[in-house]
Amino acid sequence: MLDIERLRKRAAKYGADITDDTARKIDSFCEAVRVTNEQFNLTAITDPEEMEEKNALDCLTILPYLPKEGKLADVGTGAGFPGVVIKIARPELDVTLIEATDKKLQFAVRTANELGCPVTGVHLRGEEAGRGEYREQFDVVTSRAVALLPALLEYTLPLVKVGGKLIAMKGAGGKEEIDLAQNALKILGGKVVGVHELTLPTAGERVILEILKEKPCPGKYPRQSKNIRKTSL
């Protein structure tokens, strides 16, 4: 379905060198998404060329900012973007997918396992996971198009170990969200240490934010989802 050679060449331009085997597994994963999407909704992107760029390539752009090993959680993973793609490309990482929609989570976990890239699935919202056993358990947390940065920080930073990072994948306005999030960063112990702007071949601008967790989050955070949505920090 995907043009594997083109995907490899494009990924390399963003500092993400992948093997033929990795590209083939990503192709198989995207094809599984496309086929399953005919049964129930996993993604709005179903055209093969769009999937290659907006799903596969977009997810691969964060590889240069991830550790080679350690524990990673992908919050709001949906059908497995970027969590499953990360696991395929970085098999040494211990990847946990956190997702509130059980059908999507079950698909992502099952398909990753079938590809020989086992992941752990957690059927919770990010803020629920951050109040429980997963609090401060991850070296890195990723999130793609989940929420504006002030809310996203509250959903995700409680999951990150002190000294670990949040890698937030944002659209063209991602850089501007940093100003909105200054209070949330201060309260939750985060610091923006990297702002990486890039442009996909046809899908436009993207911004990858690296946020270091410098100190523990206060115990009262994260709040319940309705309160996060109602009043951001």
C-alpha atoms as a PDB file:
ATOM      1  CA  MET A   1       0.000   0.000   0.000  1.00  0.00           C
ATOM      2  CA  LEU A   2       2.722   2.483   0.973  1.00  0.00           C
ATOM      3  CA  ASP A   3       5.648   3.359  -1.262  1.00  0.00           C
ATOM      4  CA  ILE A   4       8.290   1.862   1.024  1.00  0.00           C
ATOM      5  CA  GLU A   5      11.329   3.316  -0.721  1.00  0.00           C
ATOM      6  CA  ARG A   6       9.783   6.788  -0.811  1.00  0.00           C
ATOM      7  CA  LEU A   7       8.860   6.532   2.865  1.00  0.00           C
ATOM      8  CA  ARG A   8      12.447   5.623   3.762  1.00  0.00           C
ATOM      9  CA  LYS A   9      13.906   8.500   1.735  1.00  0.00           C
ATOM     10  CA  ARG A  10      11.459  11.013   3.134  1.00  0.00           C
ATOM     11  CA  ALA A  11      11.982   9.827   6.712  1.00  0.00           C
ATOM     12  CA  ALA A  12      15.754  10.152   6.331  1.00  0.00           C
ATOM     13  CA  LYS A  13      15.326  13.851   5.487  1.00  0.00           C
ATOM     14  CA  TYR A  14      13.874  14.340   8.970  1.00  0.00           C
ATOM     15  CA  GLY A  15      16.684  12.405  10.647  1.00  0.00           C
ATOM     16  CA  ALA A  16      14.714   9.165  10.916  1.00  0.00           C
ATOM     17  CA  ASP A  17      16.700   6.383   9.269  1.00  0.00           C
ATOM     18  CA  ILE A  18      14.651   3.188   9.030  1.00  0.00           C
ATOM     19  CA  THR A  19      15.368  -0.203   7.490  1.00  0.00           C
ATOM     20  CA  ASP A  20      13.404  -1.937   4.734  1.00  0.00           C
ATOM     21  CA  ASP A  21      12.016  -4.334   7.326  1.00  0.00           C
ATOM     22  CA  THR A  22      10.824  -1.444   9.495  1.00  0.00           C
ATOM     23  CA  ALA A  23       9.191   0.246   6.507  1.00  0.00           C
ATOM     24  CA  ARG A  24       7.450  -2.996   5.518  1.00  0.00           C
ATOM     25  CA  LYS A  25       6.067  -3.453   9.041  1.00  0.00           C
ATOM     26  CA  ILE A  26       4.796   0.137   9.062  1.00  0.00           C
ATOM     27  CA  ASP A  27       3.176  -0.572   5.688  1.00  0.00           C
ATOM     28  CA  SER A  28       1.510  -3.687   7.119  1.00  0.00           C
ATOM     29  CA  PHE A  29       0.271  -1.716  10.116  1.00  0.00           C
ATOM     30  CA  CYS A  30      -1.192   1.051   7.934  1.00  0.00           C
ATOM     31  CA  GLU A  31      -2.875  -1.540   5.710  1.00  0.00           C
ATOM     32  CA  ALA A  32      -4.424  -3.159   8.797  1.00  0.00           C
ATOM     33  CA  VAL A  33      -5.724   0.275   9.842  1.00  0.00           C
ATOM     34  CA  ARG A  34      -7.219   0.829   6.391  1.00  0.00           C
ATOM     35  CA  VAL A  35      -8.936  -2.574   6.249  1.00  0.00           C
ATOM     36  CA  THR A  36     -10.263  -2.437   9.815  1.00  0.00           C
ATOM     37  CA  ASN A  37     -11.480   1.110   9.250  1.00  0.00           C
ATOM     38  CA  GLU A  38     -14.108  -0.355   6.902  1.00  0.00           C
ATOM     39  CA  GLN A  39     -15.639  -2.126   9.930  1.00  0.00           C
ATOM     40  CA  PHE A  40     -15.397   0.661  12.503  1.00  0.00           C
ATOM     41  CA  ASN A  41     -13.905   4.110  12.594  1.00  0.00           C
ATOM     42  CA  LEU A  42     -10.192   4.221  13.439  1.00  0.00           C
ATOM     43  CA  THR A  43      -9.044   7.234  11.442  1.00  0.00           C
ATOM     44  CA  ALA A  44     -10.367   9.824   9.021  1.00  0.00           C
ATOM     45  CA  ILE A  45      -7.312   9.271   6.813  1.00  0.00           C
ATOM     46  CA  THR A  46      -7.782   6.278   4.516  1.00  0.00           C
ATOM     47  CA  ASP A  47      -6.163   7.242   1.205  1.00  0.00           C
ATOM     48  CA  PRO A  48      -2.852   5.314   0.924  1.00  0.00           C
ATOM     49  CA  GLU A  49      -0.751   8.342  -0.047  1.00  0.00           C
ATOM     50  CA  GLU A  50      -2.286  10.406   2.733  1.00  0.00           C
ATOM     51  CA  MET A  51      -1.663   7.594   5.220  1.00  0.00           C
ATOM     52  CA  GLU A  52       1.959   7.392   4.110  1.00  0.00           C
ATOM     53  CA  GLU A  53       2.551  11.076   4.798  1.00  0.00           C
ATOM     54  CA  LYS A  54       0.077  12.123   7.481  1.00  0.00           C
ATOM     55  CA  ASN A  55       0.322   8.953   9.570  1.00  0.00           C
ATOM     56  CA  ALA A  56       3.520   7.010   8.863  1.00  0.00           C
ATOM     57  CA  LEU A  57       5.917   9.818   7.935  1.00  0.00           C
ATOM     58  CA  ASP A  58       4.494  12.293  10.433  1.00  0.00           C
ATOM     59  CA  CYS A  59       4.995   9.781  13.260  1.00  0.00           C
ATOM     60  CA  LEU A  60       8.545   8.984  12.170  1.00  0.00           C
ATOM     61  CA  THR A  61       9.599  12.641  12.434  1.00  0.00           C
ATOM     62  CA  ILE A  62       9.801  12.374  16.231  1.00  0.00           C
ATOM     63  CA  LEU A  63      12.349   9.538  16.230  1.00  0.00           C
ATOM     64  CA  PRO A  64      15.388  11.856  16.556  1.00  0.00           C
ATOM     65  CA  TYR A  65      13.959  13.184  19.833  1.00  0.00           C
ATOM     66  CA  LEU A  66      13.300   9.799  21.458  1.00  0.00           C
ATOM     67  CA  PRO A  67      15.672   7.680  23.545  1.00  0.00           C
ATOM     68  CA  LYS A  68      16.883   4.390  22.097  1.00  0.00           C
ATOM     69  CA  GLU A  69      15.547   2.486  25.109  1.00  0.00           C
ATOM     70  CA  GLY A  70      13.490   3.036  28.234  1.00  0.00           C
ATOM     71  CA  LYS A  71       9.776   3.264  29.017  1.00  0.00           C
ATOM     72  CA  LEU A  72       7.521   5.269  26.706  1.00  0.00           C
ATOM     73  CA  ALA A  73       3.802   6.003  26.949  1.00  0.00           C
ATOM     74  CA  ASP A  74       1.728   7.306  24.056  1.00  0.00           C
ATOM     75  CA  VAL A  75      -1.296   9.185  25.416  1.00  0.00           C
ATOM     76  CA  GLY A  76      -4.409   9.279  23.252  1.00  0.00           C
ATOM     77  CA  THR A  77      -2.845   6.819  20.838  1.00  0.00           C
ATOM     78  CA  GLY A  78      -6.081   6.139  18.949  1.00  0.00           C
ATOM     79  CA  ALA A  79      -5.388   3.404  16.408  1.00  0.00           C
ATOM     80  CA  GLY A  80      -1.689   3.456  17.341  1.00  0.00           C
ATOM     81  CA  PHE A  81      -0.279   6.696  15.947  1.00  0.00           C
ATOM     82  CA  PRO A  82       2.422   7.370  16.894  1.00  0.00           C
ATOM     83  CA  GLY A  83       2.774   4.622  19.539  1.00  0.00           C
ATOM     84  CA  VAL A  84       2.807   1.531  17.318  1.00  0.00           C
ATOM     85  CA  VAL A  85       4.915   3.223  14.651  1.00  0.00           C
ATOM     86  CA  ILE A  86       7.438   4.148  17.346  1.00  0.00           C
ATOM     87  CA  LYS A  87       7.558   0.558  18.612  1.00  0.00           C
ATOM     88  CA  ILE A  88       8.121  -0.764  15.089  1.00  0.00           C
ATOM     89  CA  ALA A  89      10.940   1.709  14.485  1.00  0.00           C
ATOM     90  CA  ARG A  90      12.436   1.455  17.996  1.00  0.00           C
ATOM     91  CA  PRO A  91      11.822  -2.108  19.190  1.00  0.00           C
ATOM     92  CA  GLU A  92      14.120  -1.607  22.206  1.00  0.00           C
ATOM     93  CA  LEU A  93      11.611   0.812  23.740  1.00  0.00           C
ATOM     94  CA  ASP A  94       9.060  -0.514  26.225  1.00  0.00           C
ATOM     95  CA  VAL A  95       5.900   1.083  24.784  1.00  0.00           C
ATOM     96  CA  THR A  96       2.579   1.552  26.576  1.00  0.00           C
ATOM     97  CA  LEU A  97      -0.466   2.770  24.651  1.00  0.00           C
ATOM     98  CA  ILE A  98      -2.958   4.812  26.692  1.00  0.00           C
ATOM     99  CA  GLU A  99      -6.357   5.233  25.038  1.00  0.00           C
ATOM    100  CA  ALA A 100      -9.924   5.804  26.245  1.00  0.00           C
ATOM    101  CA  THR A 101     -11.667   4.125  23.276  1.00  0.00           C
ATOM    102  CA  ASP A 102     -11.377   0.413  23.904  1.00  0.00           C
ATOM    103  CA  LYS A 103     -11.976  -0.751  20.297  1.00  0.00           C
ATOM    104  CA  LYS A 104      -9.139   1.419  19.028  1.00  0.00           C
ATOM    105  CA  LEU A 105      -6.838   0.290  21.821  1.00  0.00           C
ATOM    106  CA  GLN A 106      -7.581  -3.399  21.280  1.00  0.00           C
ATOM    107  CA  PHE A 107      -6.901  -3.035  17.563  1.00  0.00           C
ATOM    108  CA  ALA A 108      -3.572  -1.247  18.131  1.00  0.00           C
ATOM    109  CA  VAL A 109      -2.321  -3.759  20.721  1.00  0.00           C
ATOM    110  CA  ARG A 110      -3.429  -6.816  18.750  1.00  0.00           C
ATOM    111  CA  THR A 111      -1.956  -5.586  15.474  1.00  0.00           C
ATOM    112  CA  ALA A 112       1.358  -4.566  17.053  1.00  0.00           C
ATOM    113  CA  ASN A 113       1.641  -7.993  18.657  1.00  0.00           C
ATOM    114  CA  GLU A 114       0.872  -9.713  15.337  1.00  0.00           C
ATOM    115  CA  LEU A 115       3.719  -7.736  13.751  1.00  0.00           C
ATOM    116  CA  GLY A 116       6.130  -8.983  16.418  1.00  0.00           C
ATOM    117  CA  CYS A 117       6.269  -5.575  18.109  1.00  0.00           C
ATOM    118  CA  PRO A 118       4.527  -6.161  21.456  1.00  0.00           C
ATOM    119  CA  VAL A 119       3.090  -3.201  23.342  1.00  0.00           C
ATOM    120  CA  THR A 120       1.086  -2.781  26.543  1.00  0.00           C
ATOM    121  CA  GLY A 121      -2.420  -1.343  26.344  1.00  0.00           C
ATOM    122  CA  VAL A 122      -3.995   0.761  29.086  1.00  0.00           C
ATOM    123  CA  HIS A 123      -7.710   1.514  28.693  1.00  0.00           C
ATOM    124  CA  LEU A 124      -7.791   4.836  30.509  1.00  0.00           C
ATOM    125  CA  ARG A 125      -7.799   8.537  29.800  1.00  0.00           C
ATOM    126  CA  GLY A 126      -4.427  10.200  30.295  1.00  0.00           C
ATOM    127  CA  GLU A 127      -5.438  12.041  33.455  1.00  0.00           C
ATOM    128  CA  GLU A 128      -6.864   8.821  34.951  1.00  0.00           C
ATOM    129  CA  ALA A 129      -3.567   7.027  34.339  1.00  0.00           C
ATOM    130  CA  GLY A 130      -1.676   9.956  35.845  1.00  0.00           C
ATOM    131  CA  ARG A 131      -3.538   9.654  39.131  1.00  0.00           C
ATOM    132  CA  GLY A 132      -2.869   5.950  39.543  1.00  0.00           C
ATOM    133  CA  GLU A 133      -0.136   3.348  39.248  1.00  0.00           C
ATOM    134  CA  TYR A 134       1.323   4.886  36.101  1.00  0.00           C
ATOM    135  CA  ARG A 135       2.174   8.206  37.728  1.00  0.00           C
ATOM    136  CA  GLU A 136       5.826   9.180  37.079  1.00  0.00           C
ATOM    137  CA  GLN A 137       6.565   5.781  35.506  1.00  0.00           C
ATOM    138  CA  PHE A 138       7.769   6.808  32.044  1.00  0.00           C
ATOM    139  CA  ASP A 139      11.028   8.159  30.678  1.00  0.00           C
ATOM    140  CA  VAL A 140       9.179   9.775  27.802  1.00  0.00           C
ATOM    141  CA  VAL A 141       5.539  10.429  26.961  1.00  0.00           C
ATOM    142  CA  THR A 142       4.339  11.199  23.450  1.00  0.00           C
ATOM    143  CA  SER A 143       1.080  12.726  22.319  1.00  0.00           C
ATOM    144  CA  ARG A 144      -0.217  13.679  18.888  1.00  0.00           C
ATOM    145  CA  ALA A 145      -3.026  16.160  18.279  1.00  0.00           C
ATOM    146  CA  VAL A 146      -4.733  15.566  21.635  1.00  0.00           C
ATOM    147  CA  ALA A 147      -5.332  19.021  23.154  1.00  0.00           C
ATOM    148  CA  LEU A 148      -4.012  22.556  23.440  1.00  0.00           C
ATOM    149  CA  LEU A 149      -0.737  22.614  25.343  1.00  0.00           C
ATOM    150  CA  PRO A 150      -2.016  23.852  28.755  1.00  0.00           C
ATOM    151  CA  ALA A 151      -4.496  20.950  28.960  1.00  0.00           C
ATOM    152  CA  LEU A 152      -2.086  18.492  27.344  1.00  0.00           C
ATOM    153  CA  LEU A 153       0.524  19.194  30.007  1.00  0.00           C
ATOM    154  CA  GLU A 154      -1.948  18.297  32.742  1.00  0.00           C
ATOM    155  CA  TYR A 155      -2.978  15.122  30.903  1.00  0.00           C
ATOM    156  CA  THR A 156       0.594  13.949  30.362  1.00  0.00           C
ATOM    157  CA  LEU A 157       3.283  15.440  32.642  1.00  0.00           C
ATOM    158  CA  PRO A 158       2.120  13.527  35.747  1.00  0.00           C
ATOM    159  CA  LEU A 159       3.044  10.333  33.859  1.00  0.00           C
ATOM    160  CA  VAL A 160       6.622  11.467  33.177  1.00  0.00           C
ATOM    161  CA  LYS A 161       9.478  10.683  35.547  1.00  0.00           C
ATOM    162  CA  VAL A 162      11.411  13.653  36.897  1.00  0.00           C
ATOM    163  CA  GLY A 163      14.189  14.140  34.366  1.00  0.00           C
ATOM    164  CA  GLY A 164      12.067  12.616  31.605  1.00  0.00           C
ATOM    165  CA  LYS A 165      10.375  14.354  28.692  1.00  0.00           C
ATOM    166  CA  LEU A 166       7.067  14.966  27.019  1.00  0.00           C
ATOM    167  CA  ILE A 167       7.276  14.981  23.212  1.00  0.00           C
ATOM    168  CA  ALA A 168       4.211  16.844  21.941  1.00  0.00           C
ATOM    169  CA  MET A 169       3.377  16.664  18.250  1.00  0.00           C
ATOM    170  CA  LYS A 170       1.570  19.825  17.180  1.00  0.00           C
ATOM    171  CA  GLY A 171       0.330  21.512  14.047  1.00  0.00           C
ATOM    172  CA  ALA A 172       1.416  24.820  12.573  1.00  0.00           C
ATOM    173  CA  GLY A 173       0.330  26.842  15.624  1.00  0.00           C
ATOM    174  CA  GLY A 174       2.198  24.702  18.129  1.00  0.00           C
ATOM    175  CA  LYS A 175       4.865  27.288  18.828  1.00  0.00           C
ATOM    176  CA  GLU A 176       2.270  29.880  19.812  1.00  0.00           C
ATOM    177  CA  GLU A 177       0.765  27.479  22.359  1.00  0.00           C
ATOM    178  CA  ILE A 178       3.902  27.800  24.488  1.00  0.00           C
ATOM    179  CA  ASP A 179       2.855  31.299  25.571  1.00  0.00           C
ATOM    180  CA  LEU A 180      -0.559  29.973  26.609  1.00  0.00           C
ATOM    181  CA  ALA A 181       1.085  27.245  28.681  1.00  0.00           C
ATOM    182  CA  GLN A 182       3.499  29.268  30.819  1.00  0.00           C
ATOM    183  CA  ASN A 183       1.424  28.949  33.972  1.00  0.00           C
ATOM    184  CA  ALA A 184       0.810  25.233  33.433  1.00  0.00           C
ATOM    185  CA  LEU A 185       4.535  24.664  32.890  1.00  0.00           C
ATOM    186  CA  LYS A 186       5.339  26.467  36.133  1.00  0.00           C
ATOM    187  CA  ILE A 187       2.741  24.604  38.187  1.00  0.00           C
ATOM    188  CA  LEU A 188       3.457  21.153  36.758  1.00  0.00           C
ATOM    189  CA  GLY A 189       7.256  21.383  36.761  1.00  0.00           C
ATOM    190  CA  GLY A 190       7.843  21.442  33.018  1.00  0.00           C
ATOM    191  CA  LYS A 191      10.322  23.381  30.882  1.00  0.00           C
ATOM    192  CA  VAL A 192      10.352  23.685  27.092  1.00  0.00           C
ATOM    193  CA  VAL A 193      13.819  22.583  25.961  1.00  0.00           C
ATOM    194  CA  GLY A 194      13.224  22.061  22.242  1.00  0.00           C
ATOM    195  CA  VAL A 195      11.023  23.550  19.534  1.00  0.00           C
ATOM    196  CA  HIS A 196      11.450  21.757  16.211  1.00  0.00           C
ATOM    197  CA  GLU A 197       9.627  23.171  13.199  1.00  0.00           C
ATOM    198  CA  LEU A 198       9.288  21.112  10.037  1.00  0.00           C
ATOM    199  CA  THR A 199       7.204  20.938   6.886  1.00  0.00           C
ATOM    200  CA  LEU A 200       5.794  17.715   5.491  1.00  0.00           C
ATOM    201  CA  PRO A 201       5.912  17.287   1.701  1.00  0.00           C
ATOM    202  CA  THR A 202       2.267  18.221   1.073  1.00  0.00           C
ATOM    203  CA  ALA A 203       0.571  18.252   4.486  1.00  0.00           C
ATOM    204  CA  GLY A 204       2.065  21.492   5.743  1.00  0.00           C
ATOM    205  CA  GLU A 205       3.831  22.644   8.875  1.00  0.00           C
ATOM    206  CA  ARG A 206       4.368  20.679  12.047  1.00  0.00           C
ATOM    207  CA  VAL A 207       5.972  21.558  15.386  1.00  0.00           C
ATOM    208  CA  ILE A 208       7.526  19.060  17.780  1.00  0.00           C
ATOM    209  CA  LEU A 209       7.868  20.313  21.354  1.00  0.00           C
ATOM    210  CA  GLU A 210      10.315  18.761  23.823  1.00  0.00           C
ATOM    211  CA  ILE A 211       9.322  19.452  27.418  1.00  0.00           C
ATOM    212  CA  LEU A 212      11.596  18.412  30.272  1.00  0.00           C
ATOM    213  CA  LYS A 213      10.034  17.529  33.618  1.00  0.00           C
ATOM    214  CA  GLU A 214      12.204  19.259  36.209  1.00  0.00           C
ATOM    215  CA  LYS A 215      10.241  18.464  39.377  1.00  0.00           C
ATOM    216  CA  PRO A 216       7.278  16.360  40.533  1.00  0.00           C
ATOM    217  CA  CYS A 217       3.756  17.550  39.766  1.00  0.00           C
ATOM    218  CA  PRO A 218       1.773  18.651  42.852  1.00  0.00           C
ATOM    219  CA  GLY A 219      -0.413  15.823  44.146  1.00  0.00           C
ATOM    220  CA  LYS A 220      -3.711  17.493  43.237  1.00  0.00           C
ATOM    221  CA  TYR A 221      -2.867  17.283  39.537  1.00  0.00           C
ATOM    222  CA  PRO A 222      -4.113  16.033  37.181  1.00  0.00           C
ATOM    223  CA  ARG A 223      -7.650  17.136  37.910  1.00  0.00           C
ATOM    224  CA  GLN A 224     -10.710  15.425  36.497  1.00  0.00           C
ATOM    225  CA  SER A 225     -11.143  15.801  32.751  1.00  0.00           C
ATOM    226  CA  LYS A 226     -14.218  18.034  33.022  1.00  0.00           C
ATOM    227  CA  ASN A 227     -12.263  20.480  35.187  1.00  0.00           C
ATOM    228  CA  ILE A 228      -9.261  20.468  32.839  1.00  0.00           C
ATOM    229  CA  ARG A 229     -11.569  21.260  29.918  1.00  0.00           C
ATOM    230  CA  LYS A 230     -13.476  23.900  31.852  1.00  0.00           C
ATOM    231  CA  THR A 231     -10.530  25.828  33.283  1.00  0.00           C
ATOM    232  CA  SER A 232      -6.997  25.346  32.014  1.00  0.00           C
ATOM    233  CA  LEU A 233      -4.049  26.082  34.260  1.00  0.00           C
END
